[in-house]
Amino acid sequence: GPVAETFRVIQEAMTEEYVRSTQGVFQFELSGDGGGTWYIDLKTKGGSAGFGKPPVTADVVMSMSSTDFVKMFTDKLKPFLAFMPGNSIIKSVTLSLEK
């Protein structure tokens, strides 16, 4: 489905440089078709993305519809609009500020 295809494209686009510069793990709780728990790990060497819980604790956990997720990652929905009240919920955010 569209969600699995989006994560496949994300996985293929991942580079070690991008993982090294991002250093974040994102967990998505998606509702609707193709929903469930999905993740993007941009912290662990090599990075990964897929279905299920991330291999390490997520820095950000977001809940949204699978339709909005696909739209957001295919530039059909601006991230700002995805996080407007009622569209999604950010459950937790852990930030690390390094100098």
Protein backbone atom coordinates (compact mmCIF):
# COMPACT_ATOMS: atom_id res chain seq x y z
CA GLY A 1 0.00 0.00 0.00
CA PRO A 2 0.94 3.68 -0.07
CA VAL A 3 2.34 3.73 3.49
CA ALA A 4 4.64 0.75 2.91
CA GLU A 5 5.76 2.26 -0.41
CA THR A 6 6.55 5.59 1.28
CA PHE A 7 8.71 3.85 3.88
CA ARG A 8 10.44 1.83 1.13
CA VAL A 9 11.36 5.06 -0.67
CA ILE A 10 12.57 6.61 2.61
CA GLN A 11 14.76 3.55 3.30
CA GLU A 12 16.27 3.67 -0.20
CA ALA A 13 17.03 7.40 0.08
CA MET A 14 18.85 7.03 3.42
CA THR A 15 22.56 7.77 3.44
CA GLU A 16 25.11 7.42 6.22
CA GLU A 17 25.79 11.17 5.97
CA TYR A 18 22.10 11.97 6.47
CA VAL A 19 21.92 9.63 9.46
CA ARG A 20 25.06 11.18 10.98
CA SER A 21 23.74 14.74 10.55
CA THR A 22 20.17 14.07 11.76
CA GLN A 23 20.65 11.78 14.78
CA GLY A 24 16.94 11.32 15.47
CA VAL A 25 14.45 8.47 15.71
CA PHE A 26 10.84 9.10 14.66
CA GLN A 27 7.95 6.80 15.50
CA PHE A 28 4.63 7.16 13.69
CA GLU A 29 1.35 5.83 15.05
CA LEU A 30 -0.75 5.80 11.90
CA SER A 31 -4.50 5.25 11.69
CA GLY A 32 -6.44 4.09 8.64
CA ASP A 33 -5.32 1.94 5.70
CA GLY A 34 -1.76 0.72 6.17
CA GLY A 35 -1.75 2.09 9.69
CA GLY A 36 0.01 0.79 12.75
CA THR A 37 3.38 1.61 14.25
CA TRP A 38 6.11 2.64 11.79
CA TYR A 39 9.52 4.26 12.31
CA ILE A 40 12.41 6.14 10.73
CA ASP A 41 15.71 5.60 12.55
CA LEU A 42 18.24 8.28 11.65
CA LYS A 43 20.41 7.61 14.68
CA THR A 44 21.63 4.01 14.44
CA LYS A 45 24.54 3.34 12.05
CA GLY A 46 23.20 2.95 8.53
CA GLY A 47 19.71 4.05 9.52
CA SER A 48 16.53 2.13 8.88
CA ALA A 49 12.83 2.59 8.31
CA GLY A 50 9.90 0.24 8.43
CA PHE A 51 6.98 -1.35 10.21
CA GLY A 52 7.01 -1.85 13.98
CA LYS A 53 8.75 -0.12 16.84
CA PRO A 54 12.16 1.43 16.19
CA PRO A 55 15.26 -0.52 17.31
CA VAL A 56 16.06 2.25 19.82
CA THR A 57 13.84 4.61 21.84
CA ALA A 58 12.10 7.19 19.64
CA ASP A 59 12.97 10.87 20.08
CA VAL A 60 9.63 11.89 18.56
CA VAL A 61 6.35 9.96 18.53
CA MET A 62 3.65 11.28 16.21
CA SER A 63 0.08 10.12 15.68
CA MET A 64 -1.65 10.92 12.41
CA SER A 65 -3.75 9.34 9.68
CA SER A 66 -1.94 7.22 7.15
CA THR A 67 -3.41 9.44 4.42
CA ASP A 68 -1.87 12.60 5.93
CA PHE A 69 1.46 10.80 6.45
CA VAL A 70 1.68 9.82 2.77
CA LYS A 71 0.63 13.32 1.67
CA MET A 72 3.25 14.91 3.94
CA PHE A 73 6.08 12.74 2.58
CA THR A 74 5.03 13.23 -1.04
CA ASP A 75 4.85 17.05 -0.74
CA LYS A 76 1.06 17.08 -1.06
CA LEU A 77 0.64 18.34 2.50
CA LYS A 78 2.86 20.94 4.11
CA PRO A 79 4.24 19.66 7.45
CA PHE A 80 2.90 22.77 9.22
CA LEU A 81 -0.65 21.91 8.15
CA ALA A 82 -0.20 18.29 9.18
CA PHE A 83 0.35 19.43 12.75
CA MET A 84 -2.59 21.81 12.98
CA PRO A 85 -4.98 20.94 15.84
CA GLY A 86 -7.06 17.89 15.01
CA ASN A 87 -4.77 16.60 12.26
CA SER A 88 -2.07 14.91 14.31
CA ILE A 89 -0.70 14.58 17.79
CA ILE A 90 2.95 14.74 18.81
CA LYS A 91 3.13 12.50 21.87
CA SER A 92 6.71 13.10 22.92
CA VAL A 93 9.76 14.95 21.78
CA THR A 94 13.27 14.52 23.16
CA LEU A 95 15.78 17.08 21.99
CA SER A 96 19.49 17.16 22.52
CA LEU A 97 21.23 20.47 22.00
CA GLU A 98 24.93 20.12 21.38
CA LYS A 99 27.46 22.89 20.88
